[in-house]
Amino acid sequence: MTHFSLEDLDGLIATRRSATATKSYTRSLLDKGAVGCAKKFGEEAVEFIIAAALGETKAVTAEAADVLYHLLVALHACEVPLQDVLQELGRRTQTSGLEEKASRS
């Protein structure tokens, strides 16, 4: 299997933005706006939580893929570039999680 990254998925979502909603599930989600995309992301997150709580490995994998996809769609709907999120994660990893959390107080 070839390497597939979040950046690849993000690019695919960007490409599908220009399709019609009748041809693209991604476009149909984006047409619901940021709130609709956030709701769908939340639904997928709950499904992931349930699969994880039940210890269903295959379901966890499938739901995690859904969560990542819907998160990226929601980021597009909010006009937040994936690169900004990755930069924020990079910034946060410069210190320990406990130190970073304490600095927000």
PDB file of N, CA and C in Angstrom:
ATOM      1  N   MET A   1       0.833  -1.182   0.000  1.00  0.00           N
ATOM      2  CA  MET A   1       0.000   0.000   0.000  1.00  0.00           C
ATOM      3  C   MET A   1       0.875   1.243   0.000  1.00  0.00           C
ATOM      4  N   THR A   2       0.483   2.234  -0.774  1.00  0.00           N
ATOM      5  CA  THR A   2       1.254   3.464  -0.832  1.00  0.00           C
ATOM      6  C   THR A   2       0.967   4.331   0.394  1.00  0.00           C
ATOM      7  N   HIS A   3       1.889   5.211   0.674  1.00  0.00           N
ATOM      8  CA  HIS A   3       1.752   6.121   1.803  1.00  0.00           C
ATOM      9  C   HIS A   3       0.660   7.147   1.493  1.00  0.00           C
ATOM     10  N   PHE A   4      -0.293   7.314   2.392  1.00  0.00           N
ATOM     11  CA  PHE A   4      -1.368   8.287   2.258  1.00  0.00           C
ATOM     12  C   PHE A   4      -1.340   9.151   3.502  1.00  0.00           C
ATOM     13  N   SER A   5      -1.324  10.453   3.333  1.00  0.00           N
ATOM     14  CA  SER A   5      -1.166  11.361   4.463  1.00  0.00           C
ATOM     15  C   SER A   5      -2.402  12.245   4.651  1.00  0.00           C
ATOM     16  N   LEU A   6      -2.434  12.925   5.768  1.00  0.00           N
ATOM     17  CA  LEU A   6      -3.496  13.906   5.983  1.00  0.00           C
ATOM     18  C   LEU A   6      -3.424  15.019   4.944  1.00  0.00           C
ATOM     19  N   GLU A   7      -2.224  15.351   4.525  1.00  0.00           N
ATOM     20  CA  GLU A   7      -2.074  16.361   3.483  1.00  0.00           C
ATOM     21  C   GLU A   7      -2.691  15.875   2.172  1.00  0.00           C
ATOM     22  N   ASP A   8      -2.534  14.581   1.866  1.00  0.00           N
ATOM     23  CA  ASP A   8      -3.169  14.015   0.670  1.00  0.00           C
ATOM     24  C   ASP A   8      -4.688  14.132   0.768  1.00  0.00           C
ATOM     25  N   LEU A   9      -5.226  13.773   1.922  1.00  0.00           N
ATOM     26  CA  LEU A   9      -6.667  13.851   2.125  1.00  0.00           C
ATOM     27  C   LEU A   9      -7.144  15.297   2.044  1.00  0.00           C
ATOM     28  N   ASP A  10      -6.395  16.199   2.634  1.00  0.00           N
ATOM     29  CA  ASP A  10      -6.738  17.618   2.588  1.00  0.00           C
ATOM     30  C   ASP A  10      -6.781  18.120   1.142  1.00  0.00           C
ATOM     31  N   GLY A  11      -5.825  17.693   0.329  1.00  0.00           N
ATOM     32  CA  GLY A  11      -5.799  18.078  -1.078  1.00  0.00           C
ATOM     33  C   GLY A  11      -6.986  17.506  -1.838  1.00  0.00           C
ATOM     34  N   LEU A  12      -7.356  16.291  -1.522  1.00  0.00           N
ATOM     35  CA  LEU A  12      -8.514  15.666  -2.158  1.00  0.00           C
ATOM     36  C   LEU A  12      -9.798  16.418  -1.812  1.00  0.00           C
ATOM     37  N   ILE A  13      -9.919  16.809  -0.553  1.00  0.00           N
ATOM     38  CA  ILE A  13     -11.089  17.591  -0.127  1.00  0.00           C
ATOM     39  C   ILE A  13     -11.111  18.928  -0.864  1.00  0.00           C
ATOM     40  N   ALA A  14      -9.969  19.572  -0.973  1.00  0.00           N
ATOM     41  CA  ALA A  14      -9.897  20.855  -1.693  1.00  0.00           C
ATOM     42  C   ALA A  14     -10.327  20.690  -3.141  1.00  0.00           C
ATOM     43  N   THR A  15      -9.930  19.610  -3.774  1.00  0.00           N
ATOM     44  CA  THR A  15     -10.304  19.348  -5.162  1.00  0.00           C
ATOM     45  C   THR A  15     -11.805  19.128  -5.284  1.00  0.00           C
ATOM     46  N   ARG A  16     -12.359  18.403  -4.342  1.00  0.00           N
ATOM     47  CA  ARG A  16     -13.782  18.068  -4.412  1.00  0.00           C
ATOM     48  C   ARG A  16     -14.694  19.231  -4.054  1.00  0.00           C
ATOM     49  N   ARG A  17     -14.134  20.299  -3.518  1.00  0.00           N
ATOM     50  CA  ARG A  17     -14.923  21.512  -3.235  1.00  0.00           C
ATOM     51  C   ARG A  17     -15.557  22.058  -4.502  1.00  0.00           C
ATOM     52  N   SER A  18     -14.880  21.880  -5.619  1.00  0.00           N
ATOM     53  CA  SER A  18     -15.361  22.473  -6.868  1.00  0.00           C
ATOM     54  C   SER A  18     -16.374  21.595  -7.606  1.00  0.00           C
ATOM     55  N   ALA A  19     -16.630  20.402  -7.107  1.00  0.00           N
ATOM     56  CA  ALA A  19     -17.618  19.514  -7.723  1.00  0.00           C
ATOM     57  C   ALA A  19     -19.024  19.950  -7.310  1.00  0.00           C
ATOM     58  N   THR A  20     -20.010  19.349  -7.922  1.00  0.00           N
ATOM     59  CA  THR A  20     -21.387  19.608  -7.521  1.00  0.00           C
ATOM     60  C   THR A  20     -21.763  18.654  -6.386  1.00  0.00           C
ATOM     61  N   ALA A  21     -22.758  19.054  -5.607  1.00  0.00           N
ATOM     62  CA  ALA A  21     -23.191  18.229  -4.485  1.00  0.00           C
ATOM     63  C   ALA A  21     -23.777  16.905  -4.952  1.00  0.00           C
ATOM     64  N   THR A  22     -24.286  16.855  -6.174  1.00  0.00           N
ATOM     65  CA  THR A  22     -24.836  15.595  -6.678  1.00  0.00           C
ATOM     66  C   THR A  22     -23.736  14.609  -7.039  1.00  0.00           C
ATOM     67  N   LYS A  23     -22.527  15.108  -7.235  1.00  0.00           N
ATOM     68  CA  LYS A  23     -21.399  14.242  -7.608  1.00  0.00           C
ATOM     69  C   LYS A  23     -20.394  14.049  -6.483  1.00  0.00           C
ATOM     70  N   SER A  24     -20.478  14.872  -5.432  1.00  0.00           N
ATOM     71  CA  SER A  24     -19.456  14.833  -4.385  1.00  0.00           C
ATOM     72  C   SER A  24     -20.087  14.919  -2.998  1.00  0.00           C
ATOM     73  N   TYR A  25     -19.839  13.886  -2.195  1.00  0.00           N
ATOM     74  CA  TYR A  25     -20.283  13.893  -0.807  1.00  0.00           C
ATOM     75  C   TYR A  25     -19.615  15.044  -0.063  1.00  0.00           C
ATOM     76  N   THR A  26     -18.345  15.278  -0.352  1.00  0.00           N
ATOM     77  CA  THR A  26     -17.611  16.370   0.289  1.00  0.00           C
ATOM     78  C   THR A  26     -18.302  17.696   0.025  1.00  0.00           C
ATOM     79  N   ARG A  27     -18.673  17.945  -1.233  1.00  0.00           N
ATOM     80  CA  ARG A  27     -19.355  19.192  -1.583  1.00  0.00           C
ATOM     81  C   ARG A  27     -20.691  19.305  -0.860  1.00  0.00           C
ATOM     82  N   SER A  28     -21.416  18.175  -0.754  1.00  0.00           N
ATOM     83  CA  SER A  28     -22.715  18.214  -0.071  1.00  0.00           C
ATOM     84  C   SER A  28     -22.539  18.568   1.406  1.00  0.00           C
ATOM     85  N   LEU A  29     -21.460  18.103   2.010  1.00  0.00           N
ATOM     86  CA  LEU A  29     -21.173  18.475   3.396  1.00  0.00           C
ATOM     87  C   LEU A  29     -20.837  19.956   3.496  1.00  0.00           C
ATOM     88  N   LEU A  30     -19.969  20.430   2.631  1.00  0.00           N
ATOM     89  CA  LEU A  30     -19.549  21.830   2.668  1.00  0.00           C
ATOM     90  C   LEU A  30     -20.725  22.770   2.429  1.00  0.00           C
ATOM     91  N   ASP A  31     -21.699  22.331   1.641  1.00  0.00           N
ATOM     92  CA  ASP A  31     -22.882  23.152   1.395  1.00  0.00           C
ATOM     93  C   ASP A  31     -23.706  23.360   2.661  1.00  0.00           C
ATOM     94  N   LYS A  32     -23.494  22.541   3.681  1.00  0.00           N
ATOM     95  CA  LYS A  32     -24.202  22.691   4.951  1.00  0.00           C
ATOM     96  C   LYS A  32     -23.538  23.726   5.856  1.00  0.00           C
ATOM     97  N   GLY A  33     -22.397  24.241   5.427  1.00  0.00           N
ATOM     98  CA  GLY A  33     -21.703  25.261   6.200  1.00  0.00           C
ATOM     99  C   GLY A  33     -20.930  24.686   7.372  1.00  0.00           C
ATOM    100  N   ALA A  34     -20.291  25.592   8.098  1.00  0.00           N
ATOM    101  CA  ALA A  34     -19.436  25.191   9.216  1.00  0.00           C
ATOM    102  C   ALA A  34     -20.219  24.457  10.296  1.00  0.00           C
ATOM    103  N   VAL A  35     -21.434  24.921  10.588  1.00  0.00           N
ATOM    104  CA  VAL A  35     -22.226  24.287  11.647  1.00  0.00           C
ATOM    105  C   VAL A  35     -22.606  22.867  11.240  1.00  0.00           C
ATOM    106  N   GLY A  36     -23.058  22.689  10.003  1.00  0.00           N
ATOM    107  CA  GLY A  36     -23.427  21.356   9.538  1.00  0.00           C
ATOM    108  C   GLY A  36     -22.243  20.413   9.530  1.00  0.00           C
ATOM    109  N   CYS A  37     -21.092  20.919   9.105  1.00  0.00           N
ATOM    110  CA  CYS A  37     -19.880  20.089   9.089  1.00  0.00           C
ATOM    111  C   CYS A  37     -19.436  19.747  10.500  1.00  0.00           C
ATOM    112  N   ALA A  38     -19.569  20.694  11.420  1.00  0.00           N
ATOM    113  CA  ALA A  38     -19.200  20.442  12.816  1.00  0.00           C
ATOM    114  C   ALA A  38     -20.125  19.392  13.433  1.00  0.00           C
ATOM    115  N   LYS A  39     -21.410  19.462  13.122  1.00  0.00           N
ATOM    116  CA  LYS A  39     -22.352  18.462  13.637  1.00  0.00           C
ATOM    117  C   LYS A  39     -21.996  17.071  13.130  1.00  0.00           C
ATOM    118  N   LYS A  40     -21.686  16.967  11.845  1.00  0.00           N
ATOM    119  CA  LYS A  40     -21.329  15.665  11.274  1.00  0.00           C
ATOM    120  C   LYS A  40     -20.038  15.146  11.907  1.00  0.00           C
ATOM    121  N   PHE A  41     -19.071  16.029  12.115  1.00  0.00           N
ATOM    122  CA  PHE A  41     -17.838  15.644  12.800  1.00  0.00           C
ATOM    123  C   PHE A  41     -18.154  15.099  14.192  1.00  0.00           C
ATOM    124  N   GLY A  42     -19.050  15.774  14.911  1.00  0.00           N
ATOM    125  CA  GLY A  42     -19.437  15.331  16.242  1.00  0.00           C
ATOM    126  C   GLY A  42     -20.072  13.951  16.227  1.00  0.00           C
ATOM    127  N   GLU A  43     -20.933  13.701  15.251  1.00  0.00           N
ATOM    128  CA  GLU A  43     -21.556  12.379  15.122  1.00  0.00           C
ATOM    129  C   GLU A  43     -20.493  11.301  14.928  1.00  0.00           C
ATOM    130  N   GLU A  44     -19.538  11.590  14.063  1.00  0.00           N
ATOM    131  CA  GLU A  44     -18.476  10.613  13.793  1.00  0.00           C
ATOM    132  C   GLU A  44     -17.603  10.408  15.024  1.00  0.00           C
ATOM    133  N   ALA A  45     -17.354  11.478  15.775  1.00  0.00           N
ATOM    134  CA  ALA A  45     -16.546  11.365  16.996  1.00  0.00           C
ATOM    135  C   ALA A  45     -17.239  10.470  18.019  1.00  0.00           C
ATOM    136  N   VAL A  46     -18.549  10.607  18.145  1.00  0.00           N
ATOM    137  CA  VAL A  46     -19.310   9.757  19.075  1.00  0.00           C
ATOM    138  C   VAL A  46     -19.227   8.294  18.640  1.00  0.00           C
ATOM    139  N   GLU A  47     -19.349   8.045  17.344  1.00  0.00           N
ATOM    140  CA  GLU A  47     -19.239   6.670  16.847  1.00  0.00           C
ATOM    141  C   GLU A  47     -17.859   6.092  17.150  1.00  0.00           C
ATOM    142  N   PHE A  48     -16.824   6.920  17.044  1.00  0.00           N
ATOM    143  CA  PHE A  48     -15.474   6.479  17.393  1.00  0.00           C
ATOM    144  C   PHE A  48     -15.391   6.137  18.876  1.00  0.00           C
ATOM    145  N   ILE A  49     -15.944   6.992  19.708  1.00  0.00           N
ATOM    146  CA  ILE A  49     -15.912   6.774  21.158  1.00  0.00           C
ATOM    147  C   ILE A  49     -16.591   5.454  21.521  1.00  0.00           C
ATOM    148  N   ILE A  50     -17.735   5.205  20.909  1.00  0.00           N
ATOM    149  CA  ILE A  50     -18.452   3.960  21.193  1.00  0.00           C
ATOM    150  C   ILE A  50     -17.625   2.754  20.767  1.00  0.00           C
ATOM    151  N   ALA A  51     -17.046   2.807  19.567  1.00  0.00           N
ATOM    152  CA  ALA A  51     -16.219   1.688  19.092  1.00  0.00           C
ATOM    153  C   ALA A  51     -15.025   1.461  20.014  1.00  0.00           C
ATOM    154  N   ALA A  52     -14.398   2.566  20.449  1.00  0.00           N
ATOM    155  CA  ALA A  52     -13.249   2.443  21.351  1.00  0.00           C
ATOM    156  C   ALA A  52     -13.662   1.857  22.694  1.00  0.00           C
ATOM    157  N   ALA A  53     -14.793   2.307  23.210  1.00  0.00           N
ATOM    158  CA  ALA A  53     -15.270   1.810  24.502  1.00  0.00           C
ATOM    159  C   ALA A  53     -15.594   0.320  24.444  1.00  0.00           C
ATOM    160  N   LEU A  54     -16.054  -0.129  23.280  1.00  0.00           N
ATOM    161  CA  LEU A  54     -16.386  -1.546  23.116  1.00  0.00           C
ATOM    162  C   LEU A  54     -15.172  -2.387  22.738  1.00  0.00           C
ATOM    163  N   GLY A  55     -14.053  -1.727  22.453  1.00  0.00           N
ATOM    164  CA  GLY A  55     -12.835  -2.445  22.099  1.00  0.00           C
ATOM    165  C   GLY A  55     -12.893  -3.130  20.749  1.00  0.00           C
ATOM    166  N   GLU A  56     -13.679  -2.579  19.849  1.00  0.00           N
ATOM    167  CA  GLU A  56     -13.827  -3.155  18.517  1.00  0.00           C
ATOM    168  C   GLU A  56     -12.774  -2.557  17.574  1.00  0.00           C
ATOM    169  N   THR A  57     -11.668  -3.255  17.442  1.00  0.00           N
ATOM    170  CA  THR A  57     -10.506  -2.728  16.725  1.00  0.00           C
ATOM    171  C   THR A  57     -10.820  -2.300  15.298  1.00  0.00           C
ATOM    172  N   LYS A  58     -11.509  -3.142  14.540  1.00  0.00           N
ATOM    173  CA  LYS A  58     -11.828  -2.779  13.146  1.00  0.00           C
ATOM    174  C   LYS A  58     -12.740  -1.558  13.098  1.00  0.00           C
ATOM    175  N   ALA A  59     -13.703  -1.504  13.990  1.00  0.00           N
ATOM    176  CA  ALA A  59     -14.611  -0.355  14.037  1.00  0.00           C
ATOM    177  C   ALA A  59     -13.862   0.904  14.455  1.00  0.00           C
ATOM    178  N   VAL A  60     -12.929   0.779  15.396  1.00  0.00           N
ATOM    179  CA  VAL A  60     -12.122   1.931  15.812  1.00  0.00           C
ATOM    180  C   VAL A  60     -11.352   2.475  14.616  1.00  0.00           C
ATOM    181  N   THR A  61     -10.760   1.595  13.841  1.00  0.00           N
ATOM    182  CA  THR A  61     -10.002   2.017  12.656  1.00  0.00           C
ATOM    183  C   THR A  61     -10.911   2.739  11.669  1.00  0.00           C
ATOM    184  N   ALA A  62     -12.051   2.146  11.368  1.00  0.00           N
ATOM    185  CA  ALA A  62     -12.980   2.748  10.402  1.00  0.00           C
ATOM    186  C   ALA A  62     -13.515   4.083  10.913  1.00  0.00           C
ATOM    187  N   GLU A  63     -13.886   4.137  12.175  1.00  0.00           N
ATOM    188  CA  GLU A  63     -14.433   5.377  12.726  1.00  0.00           C
ATOM    189  C   GLU A  63     -13.355   6.454  12.845  1.00  0.00           C
ATOM    190  N   ALA A  64     -12.120   6.056  13.141  1.00  0.00           N
ATOM    191  CA  ALA A  64     -11.030   7.032  13.193  1.00  0.00           C
ATOM    192  C   ALA A  64     -10.824   7.666  11.817  1.00  0.00           C
ATOM    193  N   ALA A  65     -10.923   6.851  10.763  1.00  0.00           N
ATOM    194  CA  ALA A  65     -10.811   7.396   9.403  1.00  0.00           C
ATOM    195  C   ALA A  65     -11.938   8.382   9.140  1.00  0.00           C
ATOM    196  N   ASP A  66     -13.152   8.043   9.569  1.00  0.00           N
ATOM    197  CA  ASP A  66     -14.282   8.959   9.398  1.00  0.00           C
ATOM    198  C   ASP A  66     -14.055  10.255  10.164  1.00  0.00           C
ATOM    199  N   VAL A  67     -13.544  10.147  11.395  1.00  0.00           N
ATOM    200  CA  VAL A  67     -13.278  11.339  12.215  1.00  0.00           C
ATOM    201  C   VAL A  67     -12.271  12.253  11.529  1.00  0.00           C
ATOM    202  N   LEU A  68     -11.180  11.682  11.038  1.00  0.00           N
ATOM    203  CA  LEU A  68     -10.156  12.503  10.384  1.00  0.00           C
ATOM    204  C   LEU A  68     -10.704  13.190   9.135  1.00  0.00           C
ATOM    205  N   TYR A  69     -11.448  12.435   8.321  1.00  0.00           N
ATOM    206  CA  TYR A  69     -12.036  13.010   7.106  1.00  0.00           C
ATOM    207  C   TYR A  69     -12.991  14.159   7.466  1.00  0.00           C
ATOM    208  N   HIS A  70     -13.899  13.907   8.400  1.00  0.00           N
ATOM    209  CA  HIS A  70     -14.882  14.935   8.733  1.00  0.00           C
ATOM    210  C   HIS A  70     -14.250  16.120   9.456  1.00  0.00           C
ATOM    211  N   LEU A  71     -13.184  15.894  10.201  1.00  0.00           N
ATOM    212  CA  LEU A  71     -12.452  17.014  10.798  1.00  0.00           C
ATOM    213  C   LEU A  71     -11.882  17.902   9.704  1.00  0.00           C
ATOM    214  N   LEU A  72     -11.264  17.298   8.700  1.00  0.00           N
ATOM    215  CA  LEU A  72     -10.680  18.094   7.621  1.00  0.00           C
ATOM    216  C   LEU A  72     -11.749  18.836   6.832  1.00  0.00           C
ATOM    217  N   VAL A  73     -12.891  18.200   6.604  1.00  0.00           N
ATOM    218  CA  VAL A  73     -13.991  18.893   5.918  1.00  0.00           C
ATOM    219  C   VAL A  73     -14.441  20.086   6.768  1.00  0.00           C
ATOM    220  N   ALA A  74     -14.570  19.891   8.066  1.00  0.00           N
ATOM    221  CA  ALA A  74     -14.974  20.988   8.950  1.00  0.00           C
ATOM    222  C   ALA A  74     -13.933  22.112   8.938  1.00  0.00           C
ATOM    223  N   LEU A  75     -12.667  21.759   8.900  1.00  0.00           N
ATOM    224  CA  LEU A  75     -11.631  22.793   8.800  1.00  0.00           C
ATOM    225  C   LEU A  75     -11.793  23.602   7.516  1.00  0.00           C
ATOM    226  N   HIS A  76     -12.073  22.917   6.409  1.00  0.00           N
ATOM    227  CA  HIS A  76     -12.314  23.620   5.148  1.00  0.00           C
ATOM    228  C   HIS A  76     -13.519  24.541   5.279  1.00  0.00           C
ATOM    229  N   ALA A  77     -14.589  24.053   5.896  1.00  0.00           N
ATOM    230  CA  ALA A  77     -15.800  24.859   6.059  1.00  0.00           C
ATOM    231  C   ALA A  77     -15.527  26.105   6.898  1.00  0.00           C
ATOM    232  N   CYS A  78     -14.615  25.982   7.854  1.00  0.00           N
ATOM    233  CA  CYS A  78     -14.240  27.107   8.726  1.00  0.00           C
ATOM    234  C   CYS A  78     -13.105  27.940   8.142  1.00  0.00           C
ATOM    235  N   GLU A  79     -12.614  27.528   6.982  1.00  0.00           N
ATOM    236  CA  GLU A  79     -11.501  28.201   6.308  1.00  0.00           C
ATOM    237  C   GLU A  79     -10.247  28.254   7.179  1.00  0.00           C
ATOM    238  N   VAL A  80      -9.994  27.136   7.856  1.00  0.00           N
ATOM    239  CA  VAL A  80      -8.780  26.982   8.659  1.00  0.00           C
ATOM    240  C   VAL A  80      -7.894  25.968   7.944  1.00  0.00           C
ATOM    241  N   PRO A  81      -6.737  26.393   7.446  1.00  0.00           N
ATOM    242  CA  PRO A  81      -5.855  25.464   6.740  1.00  0.00           C
ATOM    243  C   PRO A  81      -5.289  24.383   7.660  1.00  0.00           C
ATOM    244  N   LEU A  82      -5.208  23.168   7.140  1.00  0.00           N
ATOM    245  CA  LEU A  82      -4.598  22.072   7.884  1.00  0.00           C
ATOM    246  C   LEU A  82      -3.206  22.462   8.345  1.00  0.00           C
ATOM    247  N   GLN A  83      -2.479  23.176   7.518  1.00  0.00           N
ATOM    248  CA  GLN A  83      -1.109  23.570   7.867  1.00  0.00           C
ATOM    249  C   GLN A  83      -1.079  24.385   9.150  1.00  0.00           C
ATOM    250  N   ASP A  84      -2.097  25.222   9.382  1.00  0.00           N
ATOM    251  CA  ASP A  84      -2.154  26.000  10.625  1.00  0.00           C
ATOM    252  C   ASP A  84      -2.306  25.087  11.831  1.00  0.00           C
ATOM    253  N   VAL A  85      -3.118  24.047  11.695  1.00  0.00           N
ATOM    254  CA  VAL A  85      -3.322  23.091  12.782  1.00  0.00           C
ATOM    255  C   VAL A  85      -2.025  22.324  13.049  1.00  0.00           C
ATOM    256  N   LEU A  86      -1.366  21.893  11.975  1.00  0.00           N
ATOM    257  CA  LEU A  86      -0.109  21.158  12.135  1.00  0.00           C
ATOM    258  C   LEU A  86       0.970  22.035  12.762  1.00  0.00           C
ATOM    259  N   GLN A  87       0.999  23.313  12.396  1.00  0.00           N
ATOM    260  CA  GLN A  87       1.961  24.228  13.014  1.00  0.00           C
ATOM    261  C   GLN A  87       1.673  24.392  14.503  1.00  0.00           C
ATOM    262  N   GLU A  88       0.391  24.476  14.854  1.00  0.00           N
ATOM    263  CA  GLU A  88       0.022  24.586  16.265  1.00  0.00           C
ATOM    264  C   GLU A  88       0.438  23.335  17.038  1.00  0.00           C
ATOM    265  N   LEU A  89       0.218  22.171  16.438  1.00  0.00           N
ATOM    266  CA  LEU A  89       0.670  20.931  17.079  1.00  0.00           C
ATOM    267  C   LEU A  89       2.189  20.932  17.247  1.00  0.00           C
ATOM    268  N   GLY A  90       2.899  21.372  16.221  1.00  0.00           N
ATOM    269  CA  GLY A  90       4.352  21.448  16.304  1.00  0.00           C
ATOM    270  C   GLY A  90       4.808  22.381  17.409  1.00  0.00           C
ATOM    271  N   ARG A  91       4.142  23.520  17.525  1.00  0.00           N
ATOM    272  CA  ARG A  91       4.482  24.479  18.572  1.00  0.00           C
ATOM    273  C   ARG A  91       4.260  23.855  19.947  1.00  0.00           C
ATOM    274  N   ARG A  92       3.144  23.139  20.091  1.00  0.00           N
ATOM    275  CA  ARG A  92       2.817  22.548  21.384  1.00  0.00           C
ATOM    276  C   ARG A  92       3.780  21.429  21.776  1.00  0.00           C
ATOM    277  N   THR A  93       4.379  20.769  20.818  1.00  0.00           N
ATOM    278  CA  THR A  93       5.287  19.671  21.148  1.00  0.00           C
ATOM    279  C   THR A  93       6.669  20.156  21.553  1.00  0.00           C
ATOM    280  N   GLN A  94       6.869  21.462  21.542  1.00  0.00           N
ATOM    281  CA  GLN A  94       8.159  22.006  21.972  1.00  0.00           C
ATOM    282  C   GLN A  94       8.317  21.957  23.492  1.00  0.00           C
ATOM    283  N   THR A  95       7.200  21.792  24.202  1.00  0.00           N
ATOM    284  CA  THR A  95       7.232  21.653  25.657  1.00  0.00           C
ATOM    285  C   THR A  95       6.395  20.429  26.026  1.00  0.00           C
ATOM    286  N   SER A  96       6.481  20.032  27.271  1.00  0.00           N
ATOM    287  CA  SER A  96       5.666  18.888  27.703  1.00  0.00           C
ATOM    288  C   SER A  96       4.200  19.303  27.721  1.00  0.00           C
ATOM    289  N   GLY A  97       3.327  18.348  27.602  1.00  0.00           N
ATOM    290  CA  GLY A  97       1.898  18.628  27.636  1.00  0.00           C
ATOM    291  C   GLY A  97       1.463  19.315  28.914  1.00  0.00           C
ATOM    292  N   LEU A  98       2.040  18.911  30.026  1.00  0.00           N
ATOM    293  CA  LEU A  98       1.676  19.525  31.308  1.00  0.00           C
ATOM    294  C   LEU A  98       2.140  20.975  31.372  1.00  0.00           C
ATOM    295  N   GLU A  99       3.343  21.249  30.886  1.00  0.00           N
ATOM    296  CA  GLU A  99       3.843  22.627  30.871  1.00  0.00           C
ATOM    297  C   GLU A  99       2.994  23.483  29.939  1.00  0.00           C
ATOM    298  N   GLU A 100       2.651  22.941  28.782  1.00  0.00           N
ATOM    299  CA  GLU A 100       1.851  23.693  27.807  1.00  0.00           C
ATOM    300  C   GLU A 100       0.483  24.025  28.381  1.00  0.00           C
ATOM    301  N   LYS A 101      -0.141  23.068  29.035  1.00  0.00           N
ATOM    302  CA  LYS A 101      -1.460  23.277  29.619  1.00  0.00           C
ATOM    303  C   LYS A 101      -1.392  24.332  30.725  1.00  0.00           C
ATOM    304  N   ALA A 102      -0.375  24.283  31.544  1.00  0.00           N
ATOM    305  CA  ALA A 102      -0.213  25.247  32.634  1.00  0.00           C
ATOM    306  C   ALA A 102      -0.011  26.665  32.091  1.00  0.00           C
ATOM    307  N   SER A 103       0.615  26.783  30.931  1.00  0.00           N
ATOM    308  CA  SER A 103       0.870  28.102  30.355  1.00  0.00           C
ATOM    309  C   SER A 103      -0.408  28.781  29.859  1.00  0.00           C
ATOM    310  N   ARG A 104      -1.491  28.020  29.687  1.00  0.00           N
ATOM    311  CA  ARG A 104      -2.761  28.593  29.218  1.00  0.00           C
ATOM    312  C   ARG A 104      -3.536  29.238  30.347  1.00  0.00           C
ATOM    313  N   SER A 105      -3.135  29.023  31.583  1.00  0.00           N
ATOM    314  CA  SER A 105      -3.869  29.588  32.734  1.00  0.00           C
ATOM    315  C   SER A 105      -3.612  31.055  32.891  1.00  0.00           C
TER     316      SER A 105
END
